[in-house]
Amino acid sequence: AKVRVEFSKAATLLLTNHPEVDGMDLREVLVQVLSQDPRPAYQTDNGDREYGALLAGYNVRWRYEGNSLLVTEIIQQND
């Protein structure tokens, strides 16, 4: 089952300022990846755990809130 992906105000601001990466809509790329619930299978408790990954050149941080996933931060990585 897919997870609903939401964005914090800070993450939304970055998406407004950097809407595309390699010609693709950054928000759509993040939703497609994160809606697949990329947690390891043994980690099903939500708790207060924050997750992070490098996606499309951005350090993306998120946490789970009930049945949805909240992207808390998106930080552009410097080359």
N, C-alpha and C. Protein backbone atom coordinates (compact mmCIF):
# COMPACT_ATOMS: atom_id res chain seq x y z
N ALA A 1 0.84 -1.19 0.00
CA ALA A 1 0.00 0.00 0.00
C ALA A 1 0.87 1.24 0.00
N LYS A 2 0.47 2.22 -0.76
CA LYS A 2 1.24 3.45 -0.83
C LYS A 2 0.96 4.32 0.38
N VAL A 3 1.96 5.08 0.76
CA VAL A 3 1.86 6.00 1.88
C VAL A 3 1.59 7.40 1.34
N ARG A 4 0.73 8.14 2.02
CA ARG A 4 0.46 9.53 1.61
C ARG A 4 1.65 10.38 2.03
N VAL A 5 2.14 11.23 1.12
CA VAL A 5 3.31 12.07 1.38
C VAL A 5 2.86 13.52 1.52
N GLU A 6 3.27 14.14 2.62
CA GLU A 6 2.98 15.55 2.87
C GLU A 6 4.30 16.29 3.06
N PHE A 7 4.26 17.61 2.92
CA PHE A 7 5.47 18.42 3.01
C PHE A 7 5.31 19.51 4.07
N SER A 8 6.33 19.69 4.90
CA SER A 8 6.33 20.77 5.89
C SER A 8 6.45 22.11 5.16
N LYS A 9 6.25 23.19 5.90
CA LYS A 9 6.38 24.52 5.30
C LYS A 9 7.79 24.74 4.76
N ALA A 10 8.80 24.30 5.51
CA ALA A 10 10.19 24.47 5.07
C ALA A 10 10.45 23.69 3.78
N ALA A 11 9.95 22.46 3.71
CA ALA A 11 10.14 21.64 2.52
C ALA A 11 9.39 22.25 1.33
N THR A 12 8.20 22.75 1.57
CA THR A 12 7.40 23.38 0.51
C THR A 12 8.11 24.61 -0.03
N LEU A 13 8.75 25.37 0.84
CA LEU A 13 9.49 26.56 0.42
C LEU A 13 10.63 26.18 -0.51
N LEU A 14 11.38 25.14 -0.17
CA LEU A 14 12.46 24.73 -1.05
C LEU A 14 11.92 24.26 -2.39
N LEU A 15 10.81 23.53 -2.37
CA LEU A 15 10.21 23.06 -3.63
C LEU A 15 9.75 24.23 -4.50
N THR A 16 9.33 25.31 -3.85
CA THR A 16 8.91 26.50 -4.59
C THR A 16 10.12 27.16 -5.27
N ASN A 17 11.25 27.18 -4.56
CA ASN A 17 12.46 27.81 -5.09
C ASN A 17 13.26 26.92 -6.03
N HIS A 18 13.09 25.60 -5.90
CA HIS A 18 13.82 24.63 -6.73
C HIS A 18 12.82 23.58 -7.24
N PRO A 19 11.93 23.98 -8.15
CA PRO A 19 10.84 23.07 -8.55
C PRO A 19 11.27 21.91 -9.44
N GLU A 20 12.44 22.02 -10.08
CA GLU A 20 12.82 20.96 -11.01
C GLU A 20 14.22 20.46 -10.74
N VAL A 21 14.45 19.21 -11.07
CA VAL A 21 15.78 18.63 -11.05
C VAL A 21 15.90 17.76 -12.30
N ASP A 22 16.91 18.03 -13.10
CA ASP A 22 17.11 17.30 -14.36
C ASP A 22 15.84 17.28 -15.21
N GLY A 23 15.12 18.41 -15.23
CA GLY A 23 13.93 18.52 -16.06
C GLY A 23 12.69 17.82 -15.50
N MET A 24 12.79 17.26 -14.30
CA MET A 24 11.65 16.58 -13.68
C MET A 24 11.15 17.40 -12.50
N ASP A 25 9.86 17.30 -12.23
CA ASP A 25 9.25 17.98 -11.10
C ASP A 25 9.76 17.33 -9.81
N LEU A 26 10.49 18.09 -9.00
CA LEU A 26 11.11 17.54 -7.79
C LEU A 26 10.08 16.99 -6.82
N ARG A 27 8.98 17.72 -6.63
CA ARG A 27 7.93 17.24 -5.71
C ARG A 27 7.41 15.88 -6.17
N GLU A 28 7.16 15.75 -7.48
CA GLU A 28 6.63 14.49 -8.00
C GLU A 28 7.62 13.34 -7.82
N VAL A 29 8.90 13.63 -8.04
CA VAL A 29 9.94 12.61 -7.85
C VAL A 29 9.94 12.13 -6.39
N LEU A 30 9.90 13.08 -5.45
CA LEU A 30 9.90 12.72 -4.04
C LEU A 30 8.66 11.93 -3.65
N VAL A 31 7.50 12.35 -4.15
CA VAL A 31 6.26 11.62 -3.85
C VAL A 31 6.34 10.20 -4.39
N GLN A 32 6.82 10.04 -5.62
CA GLN A 32 6.90 8.70 -6.21
C GLN A 32 7.80 7.78 -5.40
N VAL A 33 8.95 8.30 -4.96
CA VAL A 33 9.88 7.47 -4.19
C VAL A 33 9.37 7.20 -2.79
N LEU A 34 8.97 8.25 -2.08
CA LEU A 34 8.62 8.11 -0.67
C LEU A 34 7.27 7.43 -0.45
N SER A 35 6.37 7.51 -1.41
CA SER A 35 5.07 6.85 -1.24
C SER A 35 5.20 5.33 -1.23
N GLN A 36 6.36 4.83 -1.66
CA GLN A 36 6.61 3.38 -1.64
C GLN A 36 7.03 2.88 -0.25
N ASP A 37 7.08 3.79 0.74
CA ASP A 37 7.46 3.46 2.12
C ASP A 37 8.85 2.82 2.16
N PRO A 38 9.90 3.65 1.99
CA PRO A 38 11.25 3.11 1.87
C PRO A 38 11.91 2.64 3.16
N ARG A 39 11.15 2.46 4.24
CA ARG A 39 11.74 1.94 5.48
C ARG A 39 12.16 0.49 5.28
N PRO A 40 13.21 0.07 6.01
CA PRO A 40 13.52 -1.37 6.03
C PRO A 40 12.32 -2.13 6.59
N ALA A 41 12.10 -3.34 6.12
CA ALA A 41 10.91 -4.11 6.50
C ALA A 41 10.79 -4.33 8.00
N TYR A 42 11.92 -4.42 8.69
CA TYR A 42 11.88 -4.67 10.13
C TYR A 42 11.53 -3.42 10.94
N GLN A 43 11.49 -2.26 10.31
CA GLN A 43 11.15 -1.02 11.01
C GLN A 43 9.73 -0.59 10.66
N THR A 44 8.79 -1.09 11.43
CA THR A 44 7.41 -0.72 11.14
C THR A 44 6.83 0.20 12.20
N ASP A 45 7.55 0.36 13.32
CA ASP A 45 7.04 1.30 14.33
C ASP A 45 7.35 2.71 13.87
N ASN A 46 6.41 3.61 14.08
CA ASN A 46 6.61 4.98 13.65
C ASN A 46 7.45 5.74 14.67
N GLY A 47 7.04 5.73 15.92
CA GLY A 47 7.80 6.42 16.95
C GLY A 47 8.17 7.83 16.54
N ASP A 48 9.30 8.27 17.04
CA ASP A 48 9.78 9.61 16.72
C ASP A 48 10.96 9.54 15.77
N ARG A 49 11.18 8.40 15.18
CA ARG A 49 12.34 8.21 14.31
C ARG A 49 12.25 9.09 13.07
N GLU A 50 13.39 9.73 12.76
CA GLU A 50 13.46 10.50 11.53
C GLU A 50 14.33 9.73 10.55
N TYR A 51 13.92 9.74 9.31
CA TYR A 51 14.64 9.04 8.25
C TYR A 51 15.25 10.06 7.31
N GLY A 52 16.25 9.65 6.57
CA GLY A 52 16.86 10.54 5.61
C GLY A 52 17.48 9.77 4.46
N ALA A 53 17.59 10.42 3.33
CA ALA A 53 18.22 9.80 2.16
C ALA A 53 18.63 10.91 1.20
N LEU A 54 19.63 10.60 0.39
CA LEU A 54 19.99 11.48 -0.70
C LEU A 54 19.15 11.09 -1.90
N LEU A 55 18.33 12.02 -2.37
CA LEU A 55 17.46 11.76 -3.52
C LEU A 55 17.62 12.92 -4.49
N ALA A 56 17.99 12.62 -5.70
CA ALA A 56 18.10 13.62 -6.77
C ALA A 56 18.97 14.81 -6.37
N GLY A 57 20.05 14.54 -5.61
CA GLY A 57 20.96 15.60 -5.22
C GLY A 57 20.51 16.41 -4.02
N TYR A 58 19.48 15.95 -3.32
CA TYR A 58 18.97 16.64 -2.13
C TYR A 58 19.01 15.69 -0.95
N ASN A 59 19.36 16.22 0.22
CA ASN A 59 19.27 15.47 1.46
C ASN A 59 17.83 15.64 1.95
N VAL A 60 17.07 14.59 1.89
CA VAL A 60 15.64 14.63 2.23
C VAL A 60 15.45 13.94 3.58
N ARG A 61 14.78 14.62 4.52
CA ARG A 61 14.49 14.08 5.84
C ARG A 61 12.98 13.95 5.99
N TRP A 62 12.55 12.86 6.63
CA TRP A 62 11.12 12.67 6.84
C TRP A 62 10.85 11.82 8.05
N ARG A 63 9.60 11.86 8.48
CA ARG A 63 9.14 11.00 9.58
C ARG A 63 7.72 10.56 9.27
N TYR A 64 7.31 9.52 9.95
CA TYR A 64 5.97 8.98 9.74
C TYR A 64 5.04 9.51 10.82
N GLU A 65 3.84 9.90 10.39
CA GLU A 65 2.81 10.37 11.31
C GLU A 65 1.54 9.62 10.97
N GLY A 66 1.25 8.59 11.75
CA GLY A 66 0.09 7.76 11.45
C GLY A 66 0.28 7.06 10.12
N ASN A 67 -0.67 7.23 9.21
CA ASN A 67 -0.61 6.57 7.91
C ASN A 67 0.01 7.44 6.83
N SER A 68 0.61 8.57 7.22
CA SER A 68 1.22 9.43 6.22
C SER A 68 2.68 9.69 6.59
N LEU A 69 3.38 10.24 5.65
CA LEU A 69 4.80 10.53 5.78
C LEU A 69 4.95 12.04 5.62
N LEU A 70 5.66 12.68 6.54
CA LEU A 70 5.87 14.11 6.47
C LEU A 70 7.32 14.40 6.13
N VAL A 71 7.54 15.03 4.97
CA VAL A 71 8.88 15.48 4.61
C VAL A 71 9.15 16.74 5.42
N THR A 72 10.15 16.67 6.32
CA THR A 72 10.41 17.79 7.21
C THR A 72 11.44 18.76 6.65
N GLU A 73 12.39 18.24 5.85
CA GLU A 73 13.48 19.07 5.35
C GLU A 73 13.95 18.58 4.00
N ILE A 74 14.31 19.49 3.15
CA ILE A 74 14.96 19.16 1.88
C ILE A 74 16.14 20.12 1.76
N ILE A 75 17.35 19.57 1.74
CA ILE A 75 18.55 20.40 1.71
C ILE A 75 19.33 20.08 0.45
N GLN A 76 19.58 21.11 -0.35
CA GLN A 76 20.33 20.89 -1.58
C GLN A 76 21.78 20.59 -1.22
N GLN A 77 22.32 19.52 -1.81
CA GLN A 77 23.70 19.14 -1.55
C GLN A 77 24.61 19.93 -2.48
N ASN A 78 25.72 20.36 -1.93
CA ASN A 78 26.72 21.06 -2.75
C ASN A 78 27.61 20.01 -3.42
N ASP A 79 27.94 20.25 -4.67
CA ASP A 79 28.78 19.29 -5.40
C ASP A 79 30.19 19.26 -4.85
